[in-house]
Amino acid sequence: MTPGTIEIIGGVATVLAIAGVILNNRRLIACFYLWMVSNSLSALLHADAGMTSLLIRDLAFLALAIEGVWKWRKEPRA
């Protein structure tokens, strides 16, 4: 990847992660979808750079976001 592409993907991942936190604070399920995309983009960057420990972190956060959607959908809403 070119440095410009890395910066764009990293910037998009950051914006999506921040938006996910905002949506989480408002208790909206969309937060988990934004985190899935953000963590996937970060995982792509870290895999490309050979940063295994950060790749593992990204994949763990991706799994937690998937679990969040699953649990959210399973809970009854008032």
Protein backbone atom coordinates (compact mmCIF):
# COMPACT_ATOMS: atom_id res chain seq x y z
CA MET A 1 0.00 0.00 0.00
CA THR A 2 1.15 3.51 -0.67
CA PRO A 3 1.61 5.92 2.25
CA GLY A 4 -1.32 8.01 0.99
CA THR A 5 -3.62 5.00 0.88
CA ILE A 6 -2.53 3.98 4.39
CA GLU A 7 -3.33 7.47 5.70
CA ILE A 8 -6.76 7.53 4.04
CA ILE A 9 -7.73 4.07 5.32
CA GLY A 10 -6.39 4.90 8.79
CA GLY A 11 -8.29 8.18 8.84
CA VAL A 12 -11.54 6.53 7.78
CA ALA A 13 -11.08 3.82 10.43
CA THR A 14 -10.54 6.49 13.10
CA VAL A 15 -13.60 8.52 12.09
CA LEU A 16 -15.76 5.37 12.08
CA ALA A 17 -14.45 4.32 15.50
CA ILE A 18 -15.25 7.74 16.98
CA ALA A 19 -18.70 7.73 15.36
CA GLY A 20 -19.23 4.27 16.84
CA VAL A 21 -18.50 5.57 20.33
CA ILE A 22 -20.96 8.44 19.82
CA LEU A 23 -23.64 6.01 18.68
CA ASN A 24 -22.85 3.69 21.58
CA ASN A 25 -23.31 6.59 23.99
CA ARG A 26 -26.74 7.05 22.43
CA ARG A 27 -27.41 3.33 22.74
CA LEU A 28 -27.81 2.69 19.02
CA ILE A 29 -26.98 -0.71 17.52
CA ALA A 30 -25.31 0.97 14.54
CA CYS A 31 -22.26 1.52 16.76
CA PHE A 32 -21.35 -2.15 16.39
CA TYR A 33 -21.55 -2.02 12.59
CA LEU A 34 -19.29 1.02 12.48
CA TRP A 35 -16.83 -0.74 14.78
CA MET A 36 -16.88 -3.81 12.55
CA VAL A 37 -15.86 -1.73 9.56
CA SER A 38 -13.34 0.30 11.57
CA ASN A 39 -11.72 -2.80 13.05
CA SER A 40 -11.65 -4.53 9.66
CA LEU A 41 -9.88 -1.55 8.09
CA SER A 42 -7.40 -1.39 10.95
CA ALA A 43 -6.80 -5.14 10.66
CA LEU A 44 -6.09 -4.72 6.96
CA LEU A 45 -3.52 -2.01 7.66
CA HIS A 46 -1.84 -3.91 10.47
CA ALA A 47 -1.74 -7.15 8.46
CA ASP A 48 -0.17 -5.32 5.54
CA ALA A 49 2.44 -3.78 7.85
CA GLY A 50 3.19 -7.10 9.54
CA MET A 51 2.09 -5.76 12.93
CA THR A 52 0.81 -9.04 14.34
CA SER A 53 0.02 -7.88 17.88
CA LEU A 54 -2.14 -5.02 16.60
CA LEU A 55 -3.77 -7.32 14.04
CA ILE A 56 -4.74 -9.69 16.86
CA ARG A 57 -6.17 -6.74 18.83
CA ASP A 58 -8.19 -5.62 15.80
CA LEU A 59 -9.57 -9.11 15.28
CA ALA A 60 -10.50 -9.38 18.97
CA PHE A 61 -12.36 -6.05 18.78
CA LEU A 62 -14.05 -7.21 15.58
CA ALA A 63 -15.24 -10.37 17.35
CA LEU A 64 -16.52 -8.27 20.26
CA ALA A 65 -18.47 -6.02 17.88
CA ILE A 66 -20.04 -9.08 16.26
CA GLU A 67 -20.92 -10.40 19.71
CA GLY A 68 -22.43 -7.01 20.56
CA VAL A 69 -24.79 -7.14 17.59
CA TRP A 70 -25.73 -10.72 18.42
CA LYS A 71 -26.50 -9.90 22.06
CA TRP A 72 -28.32 -6.68 21.17
CA ARG A 73 -30.65 -8.48 18.78
CA LYS A 74 -31.25 -11.23 21.32
CA GLU A 75 -32.33 -8.85 24.14
CA PRO A 76 -36.00 -7.96 24.37
CA ARG A 77 -36.69 -4.24 24.00
CA ALA A 78 -39.14 -2.41 26.22
